[in-house]
Amino acid sequence: MVELIIDLWTGAVPLRHAFWWYAVAYGLVVNLMTSLVFLALLVNDASPISLIVAFLSPVPFNLFVVVAVWRSADHYRGPKKWADLARVGTVIWLVILTAA
């Protein structure tokens, strides 16, 4: 597990895996789960601090994945446009998921 985290952080994971699996698929799951926790806390009149923590909890994962995709795009040997689209797409996707 630690090796995978290091590989993601350094961009050693192929771009298609970093983007489709970690940014899109796992990003959706992480953000959906934290949104459900946030809504459960909201419905149960949780403290404002609990709500803030729940709302911001996916941010570290999202930032990590943006860095992972960005660095994987640096190592991508295909057309530059796909690396650039992956970078932009990841940022937009995770901003939307975080804000939703």
PDB file of N, CA and C in Angstrom:
ATOM      1  N   MET A   1       0.822  -1.196   0.000  1.00  0.00           N
ATOM      2  CA  MET A   1       0.000   0.000   0.000  1.00  0.00           C
ATOM      3  C   MET A   1       0.868   1.263   0.000  1.00  0.00           C
ATOM      4  N   VAL A   2       1.898   1.242   0.821  1.00  0.00           N
ATOM      5  CA  VAL A   2       2.798   2.394   0.877  1.00  0.00           C
ATOM      6  C   VAL A   2       3.486   2.593  -0.469  1.00  0.00           C
ATOM      7  N   GLU A   3       3.847   1.474  -1.100  1.00  0.00           N
ATOM      8  CA  GLU A   3       4.507   1.552  -2.410  1.00  0.00           C
ATOM      9  C   GLU A   3       3.572   2.177  -3.452  1.00  0.00           C
ATOM     10  N   LEU A   4       2.295   1.819  -3.400  1.00  0.00           N
ATOM     11  CA  LEU A   4       1.323   2.402  -4.327  1.00  0.00           C
ATOM     12  C   LEU A   4       1.199   3.906  -4.107  1.00  0.00           C
ATOM     13  N   ILE A   5       1.149   4.318  -2.871  1.00  0.00           N
ATOM     14  CA  ILE A   5       1.048   5.748  -2.551  1.00  0.00           C
ATOM     15  C   ILE A   5       2.273   6.488  -3.079  1.00  0.00           C
ATOM     16  N   ILE A   6       3.434   5.898  -2.883  1.00  0.00           N
ATOM     17  CA  ILE A   6       4.667   6.521  -3.383  1.00  0.00           C
ATOM     18  C   ILE A   6       4.651   6.576  -4.905  1.00  0.00           C
ATOM     19  N   ASP A   7       4.213   5.478  -5.539  1.00  0.00           N
ATOM     20  CA  ASP A   7       4.144   5.454  -7.012  1.00  0.00           C
ATOM     21  C   ASP A   7       3.175   6.513  -7.533  1.00  0.00           C
ATOM     22  N   LEU A   8       2.038   6.654  -6.878  1.00  0.00           N
ATOM     23  CA  LEU A   8       1.080   7.698  -7.290  1.00  0.00           C
ATOM     24  C   LEU A   8       1.694   9.081  -7.104  1.00  0.00           C
ATOM     25  N   TRP A   9       2.294   9.315  -5.961  1.00  0.00           N
ATOM     26  CA  TRP A   9       2.853  10.629  -5.650  1.00  0.00           C
ATOM     27  C   TRP A   9       3.966  11.023  -6.617  1.00  0.00           C
ATOM     28  N   THR A  10       4.749  10.045  -7.046  1.00  0.00           N
ATOM     29  CA  THR A  10       5.878  10.358  -7.928  1.00  0.00           C
ATOM     30  C   THR A  10       5.510  10.311  -9.409  1.00  0.00           C
ATOM     31  N   GLY A  11       4.283   9.900  -9.704  1.00  0.00           N
ATOM     32  CA  GLY A  11       3.858   9.840 -11.099  1.00  0.00           C
ATOM     33  C   GLY A  11       4.268   8.566 -11.803  1.00  0.00           C
ATOM     34  N   ALA A  12       4.630   7.540 -11.030  1.00  0.00           N
ATOM     35  CA  ALA A  12       5.065   6.276 -11.619  1.00  0.00           C
ATOM     36  C   ALA A  12       3.897   5.413 -12.099  1.00  0.00           C
ATOM     37  N   VAL A  13       2.690   5.751 -11.700  1.00  0.00           N
ATOM     38  CA  VAL A  13       1.497   5.025 -12.142  1.00  0.00           C
ATOM     39  C   VAL A  13       1.130   5.548 -13.534  1.00  0.00           C
ATOM     40  N   PRO A  14       0.814   4.653 -14.471  1.00  0.00           N
ATOM     41  CA  PRO A  14       0.424   5.103 -15.818  1.00  0.00           C
ATOM     42  C   PRO A  14      -0.742   6.100 -15.746  1.00  0.00           C
ATOM     43  N   LEU A  15      -0.721   7.068 -16.631  1.00  0.00           N
ATOM     44  CA  LEU A  15      -1.713   8.136 -16.618  1.00  0.00           C
ATOM     45  C   LEU A  15      -3.139   7.600 -16.674  1.00  0.00           C
ATOM     46  N   ARG A  16      -3.381   6.621 -17.521  1.00  0.00           N
ATOM     47  CA  ARG A  16      -4.762   6.116 -17.639  1.00  0.00           C
ATOM     48  C   ARG A  16      -5.263   5.537 -16.321  1.00  0.00           C
ATOM     49  N   HIS A  17      -4.380   4.901 -15.552  1.00  0.00           N
ATOM     50  CA  HIS A  17      -4.785   4.358 -14.246  1.00  0.00           C
ATOM     51  C   HIS A  17      -4.960   5.469 -13.217  1.00  0.00           C
ATOM     52  N   ALA A  18      -4.025   6.382 -13.198  1.00  0.00           N
ATOM     53  CA  ALA A  18      -4.117   7.491 -12.237  1.00  0.00           C
ATOM     54  C   ALA A  18      -5.382   8.298 -12.474  1.00  0.00           C
ATOM     55  N   PHE A  19      -5.704   8.536 -13.741  1.00  0.00           N
ATOM     56  CA  PHE A  19      -6.878   9.345 -14.059  1.00  0.00           C
ATOM     57  C   PHE A  19      -8.174   8.573 -13.854  1.00  0.00           C
ATOM     58  N   TRP A  20      -8.323   7.449 -14.576  1.00  0.00           N
ATOM     59  CA  TRP A  20      -9.615   6.749 -14.563  1.00  0.00           C
ATOM     60  C   TRP A  20      -9.899   6.052 -13.242  1.00  0.00           C
ATOM     61  N   TRP A  21      -8.914   5.406 -12.647  1.00  0.00           N
ATOM     62  CA  TRP A  21      -9.171   4.691 -11.400  1.00  0.00           C
ATOM     63  C   TRP A  21      -9.139   5.600 -10.192  1.00  0.00           C
ATOM     64  N   TYR A  22      -8.049   6.337 -10.025  1.00  0.00           N
ATOM     65  CA  TYR A  22      -7.879   7.084  -8.776  1.00  0.00           C
ATOM     66  C   TYR A  22      -8.627   8.405  -8.771  1.00  0.00           C
ATOM     67  N   ALA A  23      -8.603   9.142  -9.856  1.00  0.00           N
ATOM     68  CA  ALA A  23      -9.310  10.431  -9.882  1.00  0.00           C
ATOM     69  C   ALA A  23     -10.804  10.236 -10.101  1.00  0.00           C
ATOM     70  N   VAL A  24     -11.177   9.501 -11.124  1.00  0.00           N
ATOM     71  CA  VAL A  24     -12.599   9.386 -11.470  1.00  0.00           C
ATOM     72  C   VAL A  24     -13.317   8.384 -10.567  1.00  0.00           C
ATOM     73  N   ALA A  25     -12.917   7.122 -10.599  1.00  0.00           N
ATOM     74  CA  ALA A  25     -13.666   6.088  -9.867  1.00  0.00           C
ATOM     75  C   ALA A  25     -13.544   6.241  -8.354  1.00  0.00           C
ATOM     76  N   TYR A  26     -12.319   6.197  -7.837  1.00  0.00           N
ATOM     77  CA  TYR A  26     -12.152   6.304  -6.386  1.00  0.00           C
ATOM     78  C   TYR A  26     -12.523   7.697  -5.883  1.00  0.00           C
ATOM     79  N   GLY A  27     -12.269   8.712  -6.701  1.00  0.00           N
ATOM     80  CA  GLY A  27     -12.674  10.069  -6.313  1.00  0.00           C
ATOM     81  C   GLY A  27     -14.175  10.170  -6.132  1.00  0.00           C
ATOM     82  N   LEU A  28     -14.916   9.544  -7.038  1.00  0.00           N
ATOM     83  CA  LEU A  28     -16.375   9.542  -6.918  1.00  0.00           C
ATOM     84  C   LEU A  28     -16.816   8.826  -5.644  1.00  0.00           C
ATOM     85  N   VAL A  29     -16.234   7.677  -5.375  1.00  0.00           N
ATOM     86  CA  VAL A  29     -16.606   6.909  -4.178  1.00  0.00           C
ATOM     87  C   VAL A  29     -16.273   7.688  -2.906  1.00  0.00           C
ATOM     88  N   VAL A  30     -15.055   8.197  -2.814  1.00  0.00           N
ATOM     89  CA  VAL A  30     -14.643   8.941  -1.613  1.00  0.00           C
ATOM     90  C   VAL A  30     -15.539  10.150  -1.391  1.00  0.00           C
ATOM     91  N   ASN A  31     -15.789  10.906  -2.428  1.00  0.00           N
ATOM     92  CA  ASN A  31     -16.593  12.114  -2.276  1.00  0.00           C
ATOM     93  C   ASN A  31     -18.064  11.800  -2.021  1.00  0.00           C
ATOM     94  N   LEU A  32     -18.574  10.726  -2.600  1.00  0.00           N
ATOM     95  CA  LEU A  32     -19.948  10.314  -2.336  1.00  0.00           C
ATOM     96  C   LEU A  32     -20.113   9.877  -0.887  1.00  0.00           C
ATOM     97  N   MET A  33     -19.179   9.082  -0.400  1.00  0.00           N
ATOM     98  CA  MET A  33     -19.257   8.616   0.990  1.00  0.00           C
ATOM     99  C   MET A  33     -19.161   9.775   1.985  1.00  0.00           C
ATOM    100  N   THR A  34     -18.254  10.692   1.753  1.00  0.00           N
ATOM    101  CA  THR A  34     -18.132  11.816   2.681  1.00  0.00           C
ATOM    102  C   THR A  34     -19.345  12.747   2.577  1.00  0.00           C
ATOM    103  N   SER A  35     -19.952  12.829   1.406  1.00  0.00           N
ATOM    104  CA  SER A  35     -21.177  13.624   1.265  1.00  0.00           C
ATOM    105  C   SER A  35     -22.318  12.991   2.046  1.00  0.00           C
ATOM    106  N   LEU A  36     -22.397  11.674   2.027  1.00  0.00           N
ATOM    107  CA  LEU A  36     -23.437  10.982   2.796  1.00  0.00           C
ATOM    108  C   LEU A  36     -23.236  11.181   4.299  1.00  0.00           C
ATOM    109  N   VAL A  37     -21.984  11.138   4.740  1.00  0.00           N
ATOM    110  CA  VAL A  37     -21.692  11.406   6.158  1.00  0.00           C
ATOM    111  C   VAL A  37     -22.083  12.840   6.502  1.00  0.00           C
ATOM    112  N   PHE A  38     -21.734  13.772   5.644  1.00  0.00           N
ATOM    113  CA  PHE A  38     -22.090  15.176   5.870  1.00  0.00           C
ATOM    114  C   PHE A  38     -23.603  15.342   5.983  1.00  0.00           C
ATOM    115  N   LEU A  39     -24.342  14.736   5.061  1.00  0.00           N
ATOM    116  CA  LEU A  39     -25.804  14.847   5.092  1.00  0.00           C
ATOM    117  C   LEU A  39     -26.395  14.197   6.341  1.00  0.00           C
ATOM    118  N   ALA A  40     -25.843  13.056   6.748  1.00  0.00           N
ATOM    119  CA  ALA A  40     -26.314  12.406   7.973  1.00  0.00           C
ATOM    120  C   ALA A  40     -26.077  13.304   9.186  1.00  0.00           C
ATOM    121  N   LEU A  41     -24.922  13.937   9.235  1.00  0.00           N
ATOM    122  CA  LEU A  41     -24.637  14.861  10.339  1.00  0.00           C
ATOM    123  C   LEU A  41     -25.574  16.068  10.291  1.00  0.00           C
ATOM    124  N   LEU A  42     -25.825  16.564   9.109  1.00  0.00           N
ATOM    125  CA  LEU A  42     -26.698  17.727   8.944  1.00  0.00           C
ATOM    126  C   LEU A  42     -28.119  17.416   9.409  1.00  0.00           C
ATOM    127  N   VAL A  43     -28.627  16.267   9.018  1.00  0.00           N
ATOM    128  CA  VAL A  43     -29.986  15.861   9.397  1.00  0.00           C
ATOM    129  C   VAL A  43     -30.094  15.659  10.909  1.00  0.00           C
ATOM    130  N   ASN A  44     -29.017  15.237  11.520  1.00  0.00           N
ATOM    131  CA  ASN A  44     -29.030  14.963  12.958  1.00  0.00           C
ATOM    132  C   ASN A  44     -28.540  16.141  13.796  1.00  0.00           C
ATOM    133  N   ASP A  45     -28.564  17.321  13.216  1.00  0.00           N
ATOM    134  CA  ASP A  45     -28.202  18.556  13.927  1.00  0.00           C
ATOM    135  C   ASP A  45     -26.827  18.492  14.600  1.00  0.00           C
ATOM    136  N   ALA A  46     -25.845  18.034  13.869  1.00  0.00           N
ATOM    137  CA  ALA A  46     -24.482  17.967  14.391  1.00  0.00           C
ATOM    138  C   ALA A  46     -23.923  19.376  14.564  1.00  0.00           C
ATOM    139  N   SER A  47     -22.864  19.457  15.329  1.00  0.00           N
ATOM    140  CA  SER A  47     -22.232  20.752  15.574  1.00  0.00           C
ATOM    141  C   SER A  47     -21.639  21.307  14.281  1.00  0.00           C
ATOM    142  N   PRO A  48     -21.532  22.622  14.210  1.00  0.00           N
ATOM    143  CA  PRO A  48     -20.927  23.226  13.011  1.00  0.00           C
ATOM    144  C   PRO A  48     -19.509  22.716  12.736  1.00  0.00           C
ATOM    145  N   ILE A  49     -18.745  22.472  13.790  1.00  0.00           N
ATOM    146  CA  ILE A  49     -17.372  21.961  13.606  1.00  0.00           C
ATOM    147  C   ILE A  49     -17.412  20.581  12.943  1.00  0.00           C
ATOM    148  N   SER A  50     -18.322  19.718  13.383  1.00  0.00           N
ATOM    149  CA  SER A  50     -18.453  18.387  12.778  1.00  0.00           C
ATOM    150  C   SER A  50     -18.827  18.493  11.302  1.00  0.00           C
ATOM    151  N   LEU A  51     -19.698  19.421  10.991  1.00  0.00           N
ATOM    152  CA  LEU A  51     -20.110  19.612   9.601  1.00  0.00           C
ATOM    153  C   LEU A  51     -18.951  20.092   8.739  1.00  0.00           C
ATOM    154  N   ILE A  52     -18.176  21.006   9.259  1.00  0.00           N
ATOM    155  CA  ILE A  52     -17.023  21.522   8.515  1.00  0.00           C
ATOM    156  C   ILE A  52     -16.000  20.414   8.283  1.00  0.00           C
ATOM    157  N   VAL A  53     -15.720  19.636   9.319  1.00  0.00           N
ATOM    158  CA  VAL A  53     -14.761  18.536   9.191  1.00  0.00           C
ATOM    159  C   VAL A  53     -15.249  17.514   8.164  1.00  0.00           C
ATOM    160  N   ALA A  54     -16.526  17.158   8.242  1.00  0.00           N
ATOM    161  CA  ALA A  54     -17.081  16.189   7.286  1.00  0.00           C
ATOM    162  C   ALA A  54     -17.037  16.730   5.862  1.00  0.00           C
ATOM    163  N   PHE A  55     -17.358  17.999   5.700  1.00  0.00           N
ATOM    164  CA  PHE A  55     -17.372  18.601   4.362  1.00  0.00           C
ATOM    165  C   PHE A  55     -15.968  18.651   3.766  1.00  0.00           C
ATOM    166  N   LEU A  56     -14.982  18.955   4.586  1.00  0.00           N
ATOM    167  CA  LEU A  56     -13.611  19.109   4.090  1.00  0.00           C
ATOM    168  C   LEU A  56     -12.806  17.812   4.091  1.00  0.00           C
ATOM    169  N   SER A  57     -13.361  16.736   4.623  1.00  0.00           N
ATOM    170  CA  SER A  57     -12.597  15.493   4.751  1.00  0.00           C
ATOM    171  C   SER A  57     -12.092  14.907   3.427  1.00  0.00           C
ATOM    172  N   PRO A  58     -12.770  15.068   2.289  1.00  0.00           N
ATOM    173  CA  PRO A  58     -12.198  14.503   1.050  1.00  0.00           C
ATOM    174  C   PRO A  58     -11.103  15.376   0.426  1.00  0.00           C
ATOM    175  N   VAL A  59     -10.898  16.555   0.931  1.00  0.00           N
ATOM    176  CA  VAL A  59      -9.939  17.481   0.315  1.00  0.00           C
ATOM    177  C   VAL A  59      -8.518  16.898   0.259  1.00  0.00           C
ATOM    178  N   PRO A  60      -7.989  16.296   1.328  1.00  0.00           N
ATOM    179  CA  PRO A  60      -6.632  15.727   1.211  1.00  0.00           C
ATOM    180  C   PRO A  60      -6.523  14.664   0.107  1.00  0.00           C
ATOM    181  N   PHE A  61      -7.518  13.789   0.018  1.00  0.00           N
ATOM    182  CA  PHE A  61      -7.507  12.791  -1.057  1.00  0.00           C
ATOM    183  C   PHE A  61      -7.551  13.472  -2.413  1.00  0.00           C
ATOM    184  N   ASN A  62      -8.424  14.449  -2.564  1.00  0.00           N
ATOM    185  CA  ASN A  62      -8.567  15.144  -3.845  1.00  0.00           C
ATOM    186  C   ASN A  62      -7.273  15.832  -4.252  1.00  0.00           C
ATOM    187  N   LEU A  63      -6.621  16.493  -3.324  1.00  0.00           N
ATOM    188  CA  LEU A  63      -5.346  17.156  -3.637  1.00  0.00           C
ATOM    189  C   LEU A  63      -4.274  16.135  -4.010  1.00  0.00           C
ATOM    190  N   PHE A  64      -4.244  15.030  -3.265  1.00  0.00           N
ATOM    191  CA  PHE A  64      -3.279  13.967  -3.558  1.00  0.00           C
ATOM    192  C   PHE A  64      -3.477  13.432  -4.975  1.00  0.00           C
ATOM    193  N   VAL A  65      -4.736  13.199  -5.357  1.00  0.00           N
ATOM    194  CA  VAL A  65      -5.029  12.647  -6.684  1.00  0.00           C
ATOM    195  C   VAL A  65      -4.691  13.653  -7.788  1.00  0.00           C
ATOM    196  N   VAL A  66      -4.935  14.914  -7.553  1.00  0.00           N
ATOM    197  CA  VAL A  66      -4.560  15.926  -8.553  1.00  0.00           C
ATOM    198  C   VAL A  66      -3.049  15.894  -8.777  1.00  0.00           C
ATOM    199  N   VAL A  67      -2.289  15.819  -7.700  1.00  0.00           N
ATOM    200  CA  VAL A  67      -0.828  15.744  -7.832  1.00  0.00           C
ATOM    201  C   VAL A  67      -0.430  14.458  -8.554  1.00  0.00           C
ATOM    202  N   ALA A  68      -1.072  13.341  -8.206  1.00  0.00           N
ATOM    203  CA  ALA A  68      -0.741  12.057  -8.837  1.00  0.00           C
ATOM    204  C   ALA A  68      -0.995  12.095 -10.342  1.00  0.00           C
ATOM    205  N   VAL A  69      -2.143  12.612 -10.745  1.00  0.00           N
ATOM    206  CA  VAL A  69      -2.458  12.692 -12.173  1.00  0.00           C
ATOM    207  C   VAL A  69      -1.509  13.672 -12.864  1.00  0.00           C
ATOM    208  N   TRP A  70      -1.257  14.797 -12.227  1.00  0.00           N
ATOM    209  CA  TRP A  70      -0.373  15.814 -12.807  1.00  0.00           C
ATOM    210  C   TRP A  70       1.003  15.217 -13.079  1.00  0.00           C
ATOM    211  N   ARG A  71       1.526  14.502 -12.097  1.00  0.00           N
ATOM    212  CA  ARG A  71       2.870  13.923 -12.263  1.00  0.00           C
ATOM    213  C   ARG A  71       2.869  12.748 -13.235  1.00  0.00           C
ATOM    214  N   SER A  72       1.798  11.965 -13.244  1.00  0.00           N
ATOM    215  CA  SER A  72       1.698  10.880 -14.235  1.00  0.00           C
ATOM    216  C   SER A  72       1.636  11.457 -15.642  1.00  0.00           C
ATOM    217  N   ALA A  73       0.972  12.589 -15.787  1.00  0.00           N
ATOM    218  CA  ALA A  73       0.896  13.251 -17.097  1.00  0.00           C
ATOM    219  C   ALA A  73       2.275  13.707 -17.563  1.00  0.00           C
ATOM    220  N   ASP A  74       3.152  14.052 -16.616  1.00  0.00           N
ATOM    221  CA  ASP A  74       4.528  14.424 -16.980  1.00  0.00           C
ATOM    222  C   ASP A  74       5.270  13.266 -17.642  1.00  0.00           C
ATOM    223  N   HIS A  75       4.927  12.029 -17.259  1.00  0.00           N
ATOM    224  CA  HIS A  75       5.614  10.840 -17.781  1.00  0.00           C
ATOM    225  C   HIS A  75       4.896  10.216 -18.978  1.00  0.00           C
ATOM    226  N   TYR A  76       3.760  10.759 -19.342  1.00  0.00           N
ATOM    227  CA  TYR A  76       2.968  10.195 -20.433  1.00  0.00           C
ATOM    228  C   TYR A  76       3.695  10.371 -21.759  1.00  0.00           C
ATOM    229  N   ARG A  77       3.792   9.308 -22.532  1.00  0.00           N
ATOM    230  CA  ARG A  77       4.538   9.336 -23.793  1.00  0.00           C
ATOM    231  C   ARG A  77       3.642   9.515 -25.011  1.00  0.00           C
ATOM    232  N   GLY A  78       2.360   9.572 -24.813  1.00  0.00           N
ATOM    233  CA  GLY A  78       1.438   9.754 -25.928  1.00  0.00           C
ATOM    234  C   GLY A  78       1.288  11.222 -26.292  1.00  0.00           C
ATOM    235  N   PRO A  79       0.257  11.525 -27.065  1.00  0.00           N
ATOM    236  CA  PRO A  79       0.012  12.915 -27.469  1.00  0.00           C
ATOM    237  C   PRO A  79      -0.165  13.834 -26.251  1.00  0.00           C
ATOM    238  N   LYS A  80       0.479  14.976 -26.317  1.00  0.00           N
ATOM    239  CA  LYS A  80       0.464  15.932 -25.205  1.00  0.00           C
ATOM    240  C   LYS A  80      -0.946  16.368 -24.834  1.00  0.00           C
ATOM    241  N   LYS A  81      -1.848  16.401 -25.817  1.00  0.00           N
ATOM    242  CA  LYS A  81      -3.208  16.865 -25.547  1.00  0.00           C
ATOM    243  C   LYS A  81      -3.896  15.975 -24.517  1.00  0.00           C
ATOM    244  N   TRP A  82      -3.604  14.652 -24.496  1.00  0.00           N
ATOM    245  CA  TRP A  82      -4.241  13.759 -23.532  1.00  0.00           C
ATOM    246  C   TRP A  82      -3.724  14.013 -22.124  1.00  0.00           C
ATOM    247  N   ALA A  83      -2.454  14.302 -22.008  1.00  0.00           N
ATOM    248  CA  ALA A  83      -1.892  14.634 -20.695  1.00  0.00           C
ATOM    249  C   ALA A  83      -2.501  15.936 -20.178  1.00  0.00           C
ATOM    250  N   ASP A  84      -2.609  16.918 -21.065  1.00  0.00           N
ATOM    251  CA  ASP A  84      -3.196  18.205 -20.665  1.00  0.00           C
ATOM    252  C   ASP A  84      -4.672  18.058 -20.305  1.00  0.00           C
ATOM    253  N   LEU A  85      -5.419  17.276 -21.089  1.00  0.00           N
ATOM    254  CA  LEU A  85      -6.833  17.044 -20.786  1.00  0.00           C
ATOM    255  C   LEU A  85      -7.011  16.304 -19.457  1.00  0.00           C
ATOM    256  N   ALA A  86      -6.134  15.358 -19.178  1.00  0.00           N
ATOM    257  CA  ALA A  86      -6.209  14.641 -17.902  1.00  0.00           C
ATOM    258  C   ALA A  86      -5.972  15.590 -16.733  1.00  0.00           C
ATOM    259  N   ARG A  87      -5.005  16.479 -16.876  1.00  0.00           N
ATOM    260  CA  ARG A  87      -4.734  17.460 -15.813  1.00  0.00           C
ATOM    261  C   ARG A  87      -5.947  18.358 -15.571  1.00  0.00           C
ATOM    262  N   VAL A  88      -6.419  18.965 -16.636  1.00  0.00           N
ATOM    263  CA  VAL A  88      -7.552  19.888 -16.519  1.00  0.00           C
ATOM    264  C   VAL A  88      -8.803  19.153 -16.044  1.00  0.00           C
ATOM    265  N   GLY A  89      -9.049  17.986 -16.626  1.00  0.00           N
ATOM    266  CA  GLY A  89     -10.220  17.208 -16.256  1.00  0.00           C
ATOM    267  C   GLY A  89     -10.218  16.802 -14.796  1.00  0.00           C
ATOM    268  N   THR A  90      -9.065  16.411 -14.292  1.00  0.00           N
ATOM    269  CA  THR A  90      -8.961  16.018 -12.889  1.00  0.00           C
ATOM    270  C   THR A  90      -9.245  17.190 -11.962  1.00  0.00           C
ATOM    271  N   VAL A  91      -8.690  18.324 -12.253  1.00  0.00           N
ATOM    272  CA  VAL A  91      -8.934  19.497 -11.413  1.00  0.00           C
ATOM    273  C   VAL A  91     -10.420  19.856 -11.418  1.00  0.00           C
ATOM    274  N   ILE A  92     -11.012  19.913 -12.594  1.00  0.00           N
ATOM    275  CA  ILE A  92     -12.436  20.268 -12.689  1.00  0.00           C
ATOM    276  C   ILE A  92     -13.295  19.219 -11.987  1.00  0.00           C
ATOM    277  N   TRP A  93     -13.041  17.951 -12.254  1.00  0.00           N
ATOM    278  CA  TRP A  93     -13.814  16.852 -11.676  1.00  0.00           C
ATOM    279  C   TRP A  93     -13.765  16.882 -10.147  1.00  0.00           C
ATOM    280  N   LEU A  94     -12.584  17.058  -9.578  1.00  0.00           N
ATOM    281  CA  LEU A  94     -12.474  17.007  -8.137  1.00  0.00           C
ATOM    282  C   LEU A  94     -12.965  18.291  -7.463  1.00  0.00           C
ATOM    283  N   VAL A  95     -12.903  19.421  -8.143  1.00  0.00           N
ATOM    284  CA  VAL A  95     -13.521  20.635  -7.606  1.00  0.00           C
ATOM    285  C   VAL A  95     -15.035  20.459  -7.555  1.00  0.00           C
ATOM    286  N   ILE A  96     -15.606  19.896  -8.612  1.00  0.00           N
ATOM    287  CA  ILE A  96     -17.053  19.665  -8.633  1.00  0.00           C
ATOM    288  C   ILE A  96     -17.439  18.684  -7.538  1.00  0.00           C
ATOM    289  N   LEU A  97     -16.699  17.592  -7.402  1.00  0.00           N
ATOM    290  CA  LEU A  97     -17.030  16.599  -6.383  1.00  0.00           C
ATOM    291  C   LEU A  97     -16.876  17.158  -4.976  1.00  0.00           C
ATOM    292  N   THR A  98     -15.870  17.968  -4.755  1.00  0.00           N
ATOM    293  CA  THR A  98     -15.656  18.543  -3.436  1.00  0.00           C
ATOM    294  C   THR A  98     -16.756  19.535  -3.092  1.00  0.00           C
ATOM    295  N   ALA A  99     -17.165  20.317  -4.057  1.00  0.00           N
ATOM    296  CA  ALA A  99     -18.182  21.354  -3.807  1.00  0.00           C
ATOM    297  C   ALA A  99     -19.582  20.781  -3.708  1.00  0.00           C
ATOM    298  N   ALA A 100     -19.789  19.607  -4.288  1.00  0.00           N
ATOM    299  CA  ALA A 100     -21.155  19.033  -4.310  1.00  0.00           C
ATOM    300  C   ALA A 100     -21.538  18.433  -2.980  1.00  0.00           C
TER     301      ALA A 100
END
